[in-house]
N, C-alpha and C. Protein backbone atom coordinates (compact mmCIF):
# COMPACT_ATOMS: atom_id res chain seq x y z
N MET A 1 0.84 -1.22 0.00
CA MET A 1 0.07 0.05 -0.03
C MET A 1 0.94 1.28 -0.03
N PRO A 2 0.65 2.21 -0.91
CA PRO A 2 1.48 3.39 -0.97
C PRO A 2 1.22 4.27 0.29
N ASP A 3 2.28 4.96 0.62
CA ASP A 3 2.17 5.90 1.78
C ASP A 3 1.51 7.23 1.34
N LEU A 4 0.84 7.79 2.30
CA LEU A 4 0.19 9.11 2.06
C LEU A 4 1.22 10.18 2.24
N LEU A 5 1.20 11.23 1.36
CA LEU A 5 2.27 12.27 1.48
C LEU A 5 1.62 13.62 1.80
N THR A 6 2.41 14.45 2.48
CA THR A 6 1.97 15.86 2.76
C THR A 6 2.29 16.61 1.54
N ALA A 7 1.92 17.92 1.59
CA ALA A 7 2.29 18.86 0.40
C ALA A 7 3.70 19.09 0.27
N ASP A 8 4.44 18.85 1.39
CA ASP A 8 5.97 18.96 1.30
C ASP A 8 6.59 17.69 0.77
N GLY A 9 5.91 16.72 0.60
CA GLY A 9 6.39 15.34 0.09
C GLY A 9 6.83 14.39 1.12
N GLU A 10 6.54 14.76 2.48
CA GLU A 10 6.90 13.88 3.54
C GLU A 10 5.79 12.80 3.68
N THR A 11 6.26 11.63 4.22
CA THR A 11 5.15 10.63 4.43
C THR A 11 4.45 11.01 5.69
N ILE A 12 3.10 10.95 5.66
CA ILE A 12 2.35 11.35 6.76
C ILE A 12 2.65 10.65 8.08
N ALA A 13 3.06 9.45 8.09
CA ALA A 13 3.33 8.79 9.28
C ALA A 13 4.69 9.35 9.97
N THR A 14 5.62 9.82 9.15
CA THR A 14 6.70 10.45 9.84
C THR A 14 6.42 11.98 9.97
N ALA A 15 5.55 12.56 9.30
CA ALA A 15 5.31 14.04 9.55
C ALA A 15 4.48 14.24 10.77
N LEU A 16 3.53 13.44 10.98
CA LEU A 16 2.69 13.71 12.14
C LEU A 16 2.76 12.43 13.08
N PRO A 17 3.48 12.54 14.10
CA PRO A 17 3.42 11.32 15.00
C PRO A 17 2.06 11.37 15.66
N LEU A 18 1.34 10.28 15.48
CA LEU A 18 0.03 10.18 15.94
C LEU A 18 -0.11 9.21 17.11
N ASP A 19 -0.67 9.82 18.26
CA ASP A 19 -0.84 9.00 19.48
C ASP A 19 -2.40 8.85 19.46
N LYS A 20 -2.90 7.72 19.00
CA LYS A 20 -4.30 7.47 18.90
C LYS A 20 -5.02 7.68 20.17
N GLN A 21 -4.41 7.10 21.29
CA GLN A 21 -5.10 7.14 22.59
C GLN A 21 -5.22 8.68 23.05
N ALA A 22 -4.13 9.40 22.87
CA ALA A 22 -4.12 10.78 23.21
C ALA A 22 -5.20 11.56 22.39
N ALA A 23 -5.30 11.31 21.22
CA ALA A 23 -6.28 11.89 20.28
C ALA A 23 -7.74 11.61 20.78
N ASP A 24 -7.96 10.37 21.11
CA ASP A 24 -9.28 9.94 21.67
C ASP A 24 -9.59 10.73 22.91
N ARG A 25 -8.57 10.84 23.85
CA ARG A 25 -8.82 11.45 25.14
C ARG A 25 -9.15 12.95 24.81
N ASP A 26 -8.37 13.60 23.99
CA ASP A 26 -8.63 15.08 23.75
C ASP A 26 -9.92 15.27 23.17
N PHE A 27 -10.43 14.41 22.23
CA PHE A 27 -11.72 14.54 21.71
C PHE A 27 -12.83 14.40 22.66
N ALA A 28 -12.78 13.33 23.49
CA ALA A 28 -13.78 13.04 24.57
C ALA A 28 -13.82 14.28 25.50
N ALA A 29 -12.64 14.75 25.92
CA ALA A 29 -12.59 15.92 26.79
C ALA A 29 -13.18 17.13 26.25
N ALA A 30 -13.07 17.38 24.84
CA ALA A 30 -13.76 18.55 24.29
C ALA A 30 -15.19 18.36 24.27
N LEU A 31 -15.80 17.25 24.22
CA LEU A 31 -17.10 17.03 24.23
C LEU A 31 -17.87 17.26 25.59
N VAL A 32 -17.08 17.03 26.68
CA VAL A 32 -17.72 17.07 28.00
C VAL A 32 -17.47 18.44 28.63
N THR A 33 -16.48 19.15 28.31
CA THR A 33 -16.07 20.38 28.98
C THR A 33 -17.04 21.44 28.62
N GLU A 34 -17.22 22.33 29.61
CA GLU A 34 -18.00 23.51 29.41
C GLU A 34 -17.30 24.50 28.48
N PRO A 35 -18.02 25.31 27.74
CA PRO A 35 -17.35 26.34 27.01
C PRO A 35 -16.76 27.42 27.90
N SER A 36 -15.75 28.01 27.36
CA SER A 36 -15.04 29.00 28.11
C SER A 36 -15.90 30.31 28.30
N GLY A 37 -15.56 31.16 29.24
CA GLY A 37 -16.36 32.30 29.54
C GLY A 37 -16.31 33.34 28.41
N ASP A 38 -15.54 33.17 27.31
CA ASP A 38 -15.52 34.07 26.20
C ASP A 38 -16.87 34.09 25.42
N LEU A 39 -17.54 33.00 25.39
CA LEU A 39 -18.74 32.83 24.58
C LEU A 39 -19.95 33.17 25.34
N PRO A 40 -20.96 33.86 24.81
CA PRO A 40 -22.16 34.19 25.53
C PRO A 40 -22.91 32.90 25.78
N PRO A 41 -23.74 32.81 26.89
CA PRO A 41 -24.57 31.63 27.09
C PRO A 41 -25.48 31.39 25.96
N ARG A 42 -25.79 30.04 25.66
CA ARG A 42 -26.68 29.72 24.57
C ARG A 42 -28.10 29.93 24.97
N GLU A 43 -28.92 30.60 24.18
CA GLU A 43 -30.33 30.75 24.43
C GLU A 43 -30.99 29.47 23.95
N PRO A 44 -32.18 29.11 24.56
CA PRO A 44 -32.82 27.94 24.03
C PRO A 44 -33.43 28.36 22.72
N ALA A 45 -33.47 27.46 21.74
CA ALA A 45 -33.98 27.73 20.37
C ALA A 45 -35.46 28.01 20.47
N GLU A 46 -35.99 29.03 19.77
CA GLU A 46 -37.37 29.27 19.72
C GLU A 46 -37.93 28.53 18.54
N PRO A 47 -39.14 28.08 18.73
CA PRO A 47 -39.84 27.45 17.48
C PRO A 47 -39.93 28.36 16.37
N PRO A 48 -39.81 27.95 15.18
CA PRO A 48 -39.89 28.78 13.99
C PRO A 48 -41.19 29.31 13.80
N ALA A 49 -41.34 30.64 13.32
CA ALA A 49 -42.61 31.18 13.02
C ALA A 49 -43.27 30.56 11.87
N ASP A 50 -44.59 30.54 11.81
CA ASP A 50 -45.30 29.96 10.62
C ASP A 50 -44.96 30.80 9.40
N LYS A 51 -44.42 30.21 8.50
CA LYS A 51 -44.12 30.83 7.18
C LYS A 51 -45.13 30.44 6.18
N PRO A 52 -45.56 31.29 5.26
CA PRO A 52 -46.45 30.84 4.22
C PRO A 52 -45.87 29.66 3.46
N ARG A 53 -46.61 28.74 3.18
CA ARG A 53 -46.12 27.45 2.47
C ARG A 53 -46.35 27.75 1.03
N ARG A 54 -45.29 27.18 0.21
CA ARG A 54 -45.37 27.23 -1.18
C ARG A 54 -46.04 25.96 -1.69
N GLY A 55 -46.50 25.95 -2.87
CA GLY A 55 -47.05 24.77 -3.57
C GLY A 55 -48.54 24.67 -3.34
N ARG A 56 -48.90 23.43 -3.40
CA ARG A 56 -50.41 23.09 -3.27
C ARG A 56 -50.89 23.37 -1.90
N PRO A 57 -52.10 24.02 -1.64
CA PRO A 57 -52.64 24.12 -0.29
C PRO A 57 -52.99 22.84 0.36
N ARG A 58 -52.93 22.77 1.61
CA ARG A 58 -53.32 21.55 2.26
C ARG A 58 -54.81 21.42 2.14
N LYS A 59 -55.28 20.21 2.44
CA LYS A 59 -56.77 19.90 2.48
C LYS A 59 -57.52 20.80 3.35
N ASP A 60 -56.91 21.08 4.56
CA ASP A 60 -57.70 21.86 5.50
C ASP A 60 -57.84 23.34 5.07
N ALA A 61 -57.22 23.74 3.99
CA ALA A 61 -57.20 25.10 3.62
C ALA A 61 -58.21 25.26 2.45
N ALA A 62 -59.14 24.43 2.43
CA ALA A 62 -60.26 24.45 1.35
C ALA A 62 -61.06 25.78 1.33
N ASP A 63 -61.23 26.34 2.50
CA ASP A 63 -62.10 27.50 2.55
C ASP A 63 -61.40 28.77 2.12
N LYS A 64 -60.02 28.67 2.00
CA LYS A 64 -59.26 29.89 1.45
C LYS A 64 -59.25 29.76 -0.13
N PRO A 65 -59.20 31.00 -0.66
CA PRO A 65 -59.09 31.04 -2.18
C PRO A 65 -57.72 30.35 -2.63
N ARG A 66 -57.74 29.61 -3.74
CA ARG A 66 -56.52 29.01 -4.26
C ARG A 66 -55.63 30.03 -4.92
N VAL A 67 -56.13 31.09 -5.43
CA VAL A 67 -55.39 32.05 -6.11
C VAL A 67 -55.42 33.37 -5.29
N ALA A 68 -54.29 33.78 -4.87
CA ALA A 68 -54.37 34.91 -3.93
C ALA A 68 -54.30 36.27 -4.63
N SER A 69 -53.73 36.30 -5.83
CA SER A 69 -53.57 37.61 -6.51
C SER A 69 -54.14 37.53 -7.87
N GLY A 70 -54.33 38.63 -8.53
CA GLY A 70 -54.88 38.67 -9.90
C GLY A 70 -56.34 38.93 -9.83
N PRO A 71 -56.96 39.39 -10.95
CA PRO A 71 -58.36 39.66 -10.94
C PRO A 71 -59.14 38.44 -10.76
N ALA A 72 -60.23 38.49 -10.07
CA ALA A 72 -61.17 37.36 -9.88
C ALA A 72 -61.94 37.21 -11.10
N ARG A 73 -62.00 35.98 -11.52
CA ARG A 73 -62.80 35.57 -12.74
C ARG A 73 -64.19 35.10 -12.36
N ALA A 74 -65.16 35.75 -12.70
CA ALA A 74 -66.58 35.41 -12.29
C ALA A 74 -66.93 34.13 -13.06
N ALA A 75 -67.52 33.15 -12.42
CA ALA A 75 -68.03 32.00 -13.08
C ALA A 75 -69.33 32.32 -13.65
N THR A 76 -69.58 32.01 -14.83
CA THR A 76 -70.70 32.44 -15.52
C THR A 76 -71.49 31.12 -15.96
N ALA A 77 -72.67 30.90 -15.48
CA ALA A 77 -73.43 29.70 -15.81
C ALA A 77 -74.40 30.18 -16.91
N LEU A 78 -74.22 29.45 -17.98
CA LEU A 78 -75.09 29.72 -19.16
C LEU A 78 -76.51 29.10 -19.05
N THR A 79 -77.36 29.63 -19.71
CA THR A 79 -78.73 29.04 -19.77
C THR A 79 -78.73 27.90 -20.75
N GLY A 80 -79.74 27.06 -20.71
CA GLY A 80 -79.87 25.95 -21.66
C GLY A 80 -79.85 26.33 -23.11
N ASP A 81 -80.59 27.63 -23.41
CA ASP A 81 -80.52 27.98 -24.75
C ASP A 81 -79.11 28.49 -25.20
N GLN A 82 -78.39 29.13 -24.27
CA GLN A 82 -77.08 29.61 -24.64
C GLN A 82 -76.13 28.42 -24.90
N ARG A 83 -76.31 27.45 -24.03
CA ARG A 83 -75.55 26.24 -24.14
C ARG A 83 -75.81 25.53 -25.60
N LYS A 84 -77.06 25.48 -25.94
CA LYS A 84 -77.44 24.89 -27.23
C LYS A 84 -76.89 25.62 -28.38
N ASP A 85 -76.97 27.08 -28.24
CA ASP A 85 -76.45 27.81 -29.40
C ASP A 85 -74.94 27.63 -29.53
N GLY A 86 -74.23 27.52 -28.37
CA GLY A 86 -72.80 27.39 -28.35
C GLY A 86 -72.38 26.05 -28.92
N VAL A 87 -73.05 24.97 -28.52
CA VAL A 87 -72.61 23.63 -29.01
C VAL A 87 -73.04 23.60 -30.54
N ARG A 88 -74.20 24.16 -30.97
CA ARG A 88 -74.55 24.14 -32.32
C ARG A 88 -73.53 24.84 -33.15
N GLY A 89 -73.06 25.94 -32.70
CA GLY A 89 -72.03 26.74 -33.43
C GLY A 89 -70.68 26.03 -33.54
N LEU A 90 -70.38 25.31 -32.39
CA LEU A 90 -69.12 24.48 -32.42
C LEU A 90 -69.16 23.34 -33.44
N VAL A 91 -70.39 22.66 -33.43
CA VAL A 91 -70.44 21.49 -34.33
C VAL A 91 -70.50 22.06 -35.84
N GLN A 92 -71.16 23.09 -35.98
CA GLN A 92 -71.11 23.66 -37.44
C GLN A 92 -69.76 24.13 -37.80
N LEU A 93 -69.10 24.69 -36.86
CA LEU A 93 -67.66 25.09 -37.11
C LEU A 93 -66.83 23.91 -37.43
N THR A 94 -67.06 22.86 -36.73
CA THR A 94 -66.32 21.59 -36.99
C THR A 94 -66.58 21.07 -38.40
N ALA A 95 -67.79 21.33 -38.84
CA ALA A 95 -68.17 20.77 -40.22
C ALA A 95 -67.29 21.48 -41.33
N VAL A 96 -66.67 22.67 -41.02
CA VAL A 96 -65.83 23.32 -42.06
C VAL A 96 -64.64 22.45 -42.37
N ILE A 97 -64.20 21.71 -41.54
CA ILE A 97 -62.95 20.97 -41.72
C ILE A 97 -63.12 19.92 -42.87
N PRO A 98 -64.22 19.07 -42.70
CA PRO A 98 -64.39 18.10 -43.84
C PRO A 98 -64.74 18.83 -45.19
N LEU A 99 -65.40 20.03 -45.02
CA LEU A 99 -65.74 20.68 -46.36
C LEU A 99 -64.45 21.16 -46.96
N MET A 100 -63.48 21.63 -46.22
CA MET A 100 -62.21 21.94 -46.82
C MET A 100 -61.48 20.74 -47.41
N LEU A 101 -61.57 19.69 -46.65
CA LEU A 101 -60.91 18.44 -47.24
C LEU A 101 -61.61 17.97 -48.48
N ALA A 102 -62.97 18.07 -48.50
CA ALA A 102 -63.60 17.73 -49.65
C ALA A 102 -63.25 18.57 -50.87
N ARG A 103 -63.06 19.85 -50.60
CA ARG A 103 -62.72 20.74 -51.69
C ARG A 103 -61.28 20.37 -52.14
N THR A 104 -60.37 20.23 -51.24
CA THR A 104 -58.98 19.95 -51.77
C THR A 104 -58.78 18.55 -52.26
N THR A 105 -59.50 17.54 -51.75
CA THR A 105 -59.23 16.14 -52.26
C THR A 105 -60.26 15.73 -53.31
N GLY A 106 -61.36 16.32 -53.33
CA GLY A 106 -62.43 15.95 -54.26
C GLY A 106 -63.11 14.71 -53.85
N ASP A 107 -62.91 14.30 -52.59
CA ASP A 107 -63.51 13.03 -52.07
C ASP A 107 -64.91 13.40 -51.56
N ALA A 108 -65.96 12.72 -52.01
CA ALA A 108 -67.29 13.01 -51.66
C ALA A 108 -67.60 12.58 -50.24
N ALA A 109 -66.86 11.69 -49.71
CA ALA A 109 -67.01 11.19 -48.34
C ALA A 109 -66.85 12.41 -47.38
N TYR A 110 -65.87 13.25 -47.58
CA TYR A 110 -65.68 14.38 -46.78
C TYR A 110 -66.77 15.35 -46.82
N GLN A 111 -67.35 15.49 -47.97
CA GLN A 111 -68.61 16.33 -48.11
C GLN A 111 -69.73 15.75 -47.39
N ALA A 112 -69.88 14.36 -47.46
CA ALA A 112 -70.94 13.77 -46.68
C ALA A 112 -70.77 13.89 -45.21
N ASP A 113 -69.44 13.86 -44.70
CA ASP A 113 -69.14 14.01 -43.35
C ASP A 113 -69.58 15.51 -42.83
N ALA A 114 -69.26 16.50 -43.68
CA ALA A 114 -69.73 17.87 -43.33
C ALA A 114 -71.22 17.97 -43.26
N VAL A 115 -71.92 17.38 -44.22
CA VAL A 115 -73.33 17.44 -44.15
C VAL A 115 -73.91 16.79 -42.89
N THR A 116 -73.25 15.54 -42.62
CA THR A 116 -73.76 14.87 -41.40
C THR A 116 -73.52 15.69 -40.14
N LEU A 117 -72.35 16.23 -39.96
CA LEU A 117 -72.07 17.13 -38.78
C LEU A 117 -73.08 18.31 -38.78
N ALA A 118 -73.22 18.98 -39.87
CA ALA A 118 -74.07 20.11 -39.95
C ALA A 118 -75.57 19.70 -39.60
N ASN A 119 -76.03 18.61 -40.08
CA ASN A 119 -77.32 18.19 -39.90
C ASN A 119 -77.60 17.68 -38.42
N SER A 120 -76.52 17.25 -37.88
CA SER A 120 -76.63 16.68 -36.47
C SER A 120 -76.44 17.73 -35.30
N ALA A 121 -76.19 18.92 -35.73
CA ALA A 121 -75.81 20.05 -34.85
C ALA A 121 -76.84 20.23 -33.80
N ASP A 122 -78.07 20.24 -34.14
CA ASP A 122 -79.22 20.54 -33.28
C ASP A 122 -79.47 19.44 -32.34
N ALA A 123 -79.29 18.13 -32.83
CA ALA A 123 -79.42 17.02 -31.83
C ALA A 123 -78.30 16.94 -30.86
N VAL A 124 -77.02 17.22 -31.25
CA VAL A 124 -75.91 17.18 -30.40
C VAL A 124 -76.13 18.34 -29.30
N ALA A 125 -76.53 19.49 -29.78
CA ALA A 125 -76.69 20.63 -28.90
C ALA A 125 -77.80 20.41 -27.94
N GLU A 126 -78.86 19.72 -28.21
CA GLU A 126 -79.97 19.37 -27.30
C GLU A 126 -79.51 18.32 -26.28
N ALA A 127 -78.70 17.35 -26.72
CA ALA A 127 -78.20 16.30 -25.86
C ALA A 127 -77.21 16.94 -24.84
N CYS A 128 -76.30 17.73 -25.33
CA CYS A 128 -75.34 18.39 -24.47
C CYS A 128 -76.06 19.31 -23.41
N ALA A 129 -77.05 20.00 -23.79
CA ALA A 129 -77.88 20.82 -22.81
C ALA A 129 -78.58 19.97 -21.73
N ASP A 130 -79.04 18.80 -22.15
CA ASP A 130 -79.68 17.88 -21.30
C ASP A 130 -78.69 17.36 -20.21
N VAL A 131 -77.55 16.91 -20.70
CA VAL A 131 -76.52 16.39 -19.83
C VAL A 131 -76.06 17.51 -18.91
N ALA A 132 -75.89 18.73 -19.41
CA ALA A 132 -75.45 19.80 -18.49
C ALA A 132 -76.47 20.08 -17.48
N ALA A 133 -77.75 19.99 -17.75
CA ALA A 133 -78.73 20.24 -16.69
C ALA A 133 -78.68 19.15 -15.63
N ALA A 134 -78.18 17.94 -15.92
CA ALA A 134 -78.17 16.90 -14.93
C ALA A 134 -76.74 16.76 -14.27
N ASP A 135 -75.73 17.18 -14.82
CA ASP A 135 -74.39 17.11 -14.22
C ASP A 135 -73.68 18.51 -14.16
N PRO A 136 -73.49 18.89 -12.89
CA PRO A 136 -72.96 20.26 -12.72
C PRO A 136 -71.45 20.42 -13.23
N ARG A 137 -70.71 19.22 -13.14
CA ARG A 137 -69.31 19.32 -13.64
C ARG A 137 -69.25 19.39 -15.12
N PHE A 138 -70.16 18.68 -15.88
CA PHE A 138 -70.25 18.76 -17.30
C PHE A 138 -70.69 20.13 -17.76
N ALA A 139 -71.65 20.70 -16.88
CA ALA A 139 -72.22 21.99 -17.17
C ALA A 139 -71.10 23.04 -17.07
N ALA A 140 -70.25 23.02 -16.04
CA ALA A 140 -69.11 23.99 -15.89
C ALA A 140 -68.17 23.88 -17.04
N ALA A 141 -67.82 22.55 -17.49
CA ALA A 141 -66.98 22.48 -18.61
C ALA A 141 -67.50 22.99 -19.95
N LEU A 142 -68.79 22.68 -20.17
CA LEU A 142 -69.52 23.19 -21.35
C LEU A 142 -69.57 24.63 -21.39
N ASP A 143 -69.86 25.32 -20.21
CA ASP A 143 -69.95 26.67 -20.14
C ASP A 143 -68.58 27.38 -20.49
N ARG A 144 -67.52 26.74 -20.09
CA ARG A 144 -66.21 27.35 -20.45
C ARG A 144 -65.89 27.21 -21.87
N VAL A 145 -66.34 26.13 -22.46
CA VAL A 145 -66.20 26.00 -23.95
C VAL A 145 -67.10 26.90 -24.68
N CYS A 146 -68.33 27.03 -24.29
CA CYS A 146 -69.25 27.79 -25.01
C CYS A 146 -69.18 29.27 -24.84
N SER A 147 -68.68 29.74 -23.74
CA SER A 147 -68.56 31.24 -23.51
C SER A 147 -67.21 31.71 -23.84
N ALA A 148 -67.02 31.92 -25.05
CA ALA A 148 -65.75 32.38 -25.53
C ALA A 148 -65.64 33.82 -25.44
N GLY A 149 -66.56 34.48 -24.79
CA GLY A 149 -66.55 35.97 -24.63
C GLY A 149 -66.89 36.61 -25.90
N PRO A 150 -66.26 37.75 -26.07
CA PRO A 150 -66.59 38.59 -27.36
C PRO A 150 -66.05 37.81 -28.59
N TYR A 151 -65.09 36.97 -28.45
CA TYR A 151 -64.61 36.22 -29.58
C TYR A 151 -65.68 35.25 -30.11
N GLY A 152 -66.56 34.80 -29.28
CA GLY A 152 -67.53 33.83 -29.65
C GLY A 152 -68.45 34.35 -30.75
N ALA A 153 -68.80 35.62 -30.57
CA ALA A 153 -69.76 36.30 -31.53
C ALA A 153 -68.94 36.43 -32.92
N LEU A 154 -67.66 36.81 -32.79
CA LEU A 154 -66.90 37.01 -34.01
C LEU A 154 -66.67 35.70 -34.72
N ILE A 155 -66.52 34.60 -33.99
CA ILE A 155 -66.35 33.29 -34.62
C ILE A 155 -67.59 32.84 -35.32
N THR A 156 -68.74 33.10 -34.70
CA THR A 156 -70.02 32.71 -35.24
C THR A 156 -70.34 33.44 -36.54
N VAL A 157 -70.10 34.82 -36.49
CA VAL A 157 -70.28 35.62 -37.70
C VAL A 157 -69.35 35.15 -38.80
N ALA A 158 -68.17 35.02 -38.48
CA ALA A 158 -67.01 34.52 -39.45
C ALA A 158 -67.43 33.21 -40.12
N PHE A 159 -67.96 32.35 -39.23
CA PHE A 159 -68.31 31.03 -39.71
C PHE A 159 -69.49 31.15 -40.70
N GLY A 160 -70.46 31.97 -40.34
CA GLY A 160 -71.66 32.13 -41.23
C GLY A 160 -71.22 32.65 -42.49
N VAL A 161 -70.39 33.69 -42.56
CA VAL A 161 -69.97 34.24 -43.82
C VAL A 161 -69.10 33.29 -44.58
N GLY A 162 -68.21 32.64 -43.93
CA GLY A 162 -67.39 31.63 -44.66
C GLY A 162 -68.17 30.51 -45.24
N ALA A 163 -69.24 30.06 -44.47
CA ALA A 163 -70.13 28.97 -45.09
C ALA A 163 -70.82 29.45 -46.27
N GLN A 164 -71.41 30.76 -46.24
CA GLN A 164 -72.11 31.19 -47.42
C GLN A 164 -71.09 31.36 -48.55
N LEU A 165 -69.99 31.80 -48.28
CA LEU A 165 -68.94 32.01 -49.41
C LEU A 165 -68.64 30.63 -50.02
N PHE A 166 -68.48 29.65 -49.18
CA PHE A 166 -68.23 28.34 -49.72
C PHE A 166 -69.32 27.83 -50.51
N ARG A 167 -70.52 27.97 -50.07
CA ARG A 167 -71.60 27.56 -50.78
C ARG A 167 -71.92 28.35 -52.08
N ASN A 168 -71.49 29.49 -52.15
CA ASN A 168 -71.55 30.33 -53.35
C ASN A 168 -70.77 29.70 -54.51
N HIS A 169 -69.73 29.06 -54.10
CA HIS A 169 -68.87 28.39 -55.15
C HIS A 169 -69.19 26.91 -55.36
N ARG A 170 -69.87 26.31 -54.36
CA ARG A 170 -70.35 24.89 -54.38
C ARG A 170 -71.80 24.91 -54.09
N PRO A 171 -72.61 25.34 -54.94
CA PRO A 171 -74.04 25.40 -54.63
C PRO A 171 -74.74 24.13 -54.21
N ARG A 172 -74.28 23.00 -54.60
CA ARG A 172 -74.87 21.68 -54.31
C ARG A 172 -74.60 21.31 -52.76
N VAL A 173 -73.60 21.94 -52.20
CA VAL A 173 -73.37 21.55 -50.74
C VAL A 173 -74.34 22.39 -49.97
N ALA A 174 -75.26 21.66 -49.30
CA ALA A 174 -76.26 22.36 -48.51
C ALA A 174 -75.78 22.47 -47.02
N ILE A 175 -75.45 23.66 -46.72
CA ILE A 175 -74.91 23.97 -45.39
C ILE A 175 -75.95 24.71 -44.62
N PRO A 176 -76.36 24.15 -43.40
CA PRO A 176 -77.41 24.87 -42.65
C PRO A 176 -77.04 26.28 -42.43
N GLY A 177 -78.04 27.16 -42.66
CA GLY A 177 -77.83 28.61 -42.30
C GLY A 177 -77.42 29.30 -43.63
N THR A 178 -77.20 28.57 -44.68
CA THR A 178 -76.86 29.21 -46.00
C THR A 178 -78.02 29.03 -46.99
N VAL A 179 -77.91 29.77 -48.09
CA VAL A 179 -78.97 29.69 -49.08
C VAL A 179 -78.23 29.50 -50.46
N HIS A 180 -78.96 28.90 -51.34
CA HIS A 180 -78.34 28.68 -52.76
C HIS A 180 -77.98 30.08 -53.31
N PRO A 181 -76.90 30.15 -54.12
CA PRO A 181 -76.45 31.46 -54.62
C PRO A 181 -77.58 32.22 -55.50
N ASP A 182 -78.33 31.31 -56.15
CA ASP A 182 -79.40 31.93 -57.05
C ASP A 182 -80.36 32.57 -56.17
N GLU A 183 -80.73 31.99 -55.01
CA GLU A 183 -81.67 32.65 -54.13
C GLU A 183 -81.06 33.93 -53.51
N LEU A 184 -79.85 33.85 -53.13
CA LEU A 184 -79.12 35.00 -52.55
C LEU A 184 -79.14 36.11 -53.60
N LEU A 185 -78.89 35.89 -54.85
CA LEU A 185 -78.87 36.96 -55.91
C LEU A 185 -80.17 37.53 -56.09
N ALA A 186 -81.23 36.66 -56.09
CA ALA A 186 -82.66 37.05 -56.31
C ALA A 186 -83.13 37.95 -55.14
N ALA A 187 -82.70 37.64 -53.98
CA ALA A 187 -83.08 38.50 -52.84
C ALA A 187 -82.36 39.86 -52.90
N ALA A 188 -81.12 39.89 -53.35
CA ALA A 188 -80.34 41.12 -53.51
C ALA A 188 -80.98 41.98 -54.59
N GLN A 189 -81.47 41.40 -55.73
CA GLN A 189 -82.11 42.19 -56.76
C GLN A 189 -83.41 42.72 -56.38
N GLN A 190 -84.15 41.95 -55.46
CA GLN A 190 -85.46 42.50 -54.91
C GLN A 190 -85.28 43.65 -54.09
N GLN A 191 -84.13 43.59 -53.19
CA GLN A 191 -83.91 44.71 -52.35
C GLN A 191 -83.52 45.97 -53.10
N ALA A 192 -82.72 45.75 -54.22
CA ALA A 192 -82.29 46.90 -54.98
C ALA A 192 -83.52 47.53 -55.75
N ALA A 193 -84.52 46.68 -56.10
CA ALA A 193 -85.66 47.31 -56.83
C ALA A 193 -86.58 47.91 -56.00
């Protein structure tokens, strides 16, 4: 086994004559002796003050608000008719995707998917409103999805205009809420006259 060396290159065994028994006695004496008078007497430790905890609140803190800062967001419960209108708009908005796919691929199945979605919008909206009336958790989730704030109205109008523009170029595609381009032009001519 190699010898341990000091920084000066001396073997530790020769550099530090070690009396193990003397070292043990000195260590034990240091543990039991009282501190010298130079040090102030030790005060008993005080219990730590309650600090605000970080992270998730404990279960017993359920009566406290979970978010301490920032504007409070009012929970808005929608009526059954508002929920129906919201779901109907979302389903009709979803129907735009297969319409675009039908236009780009020429596949009639996508067109049939769009018609199916648009035709089932009322039934889906009615079913969602019924489930929301029976289940408060579903109602809360549905209300969050349907109440898009001021953007909801913009999306609805944009969808209606986009759907009519699409039908103007594909008159055979019957999208709910749109009219055949010939009917649209006839109505515009009647208003002008």
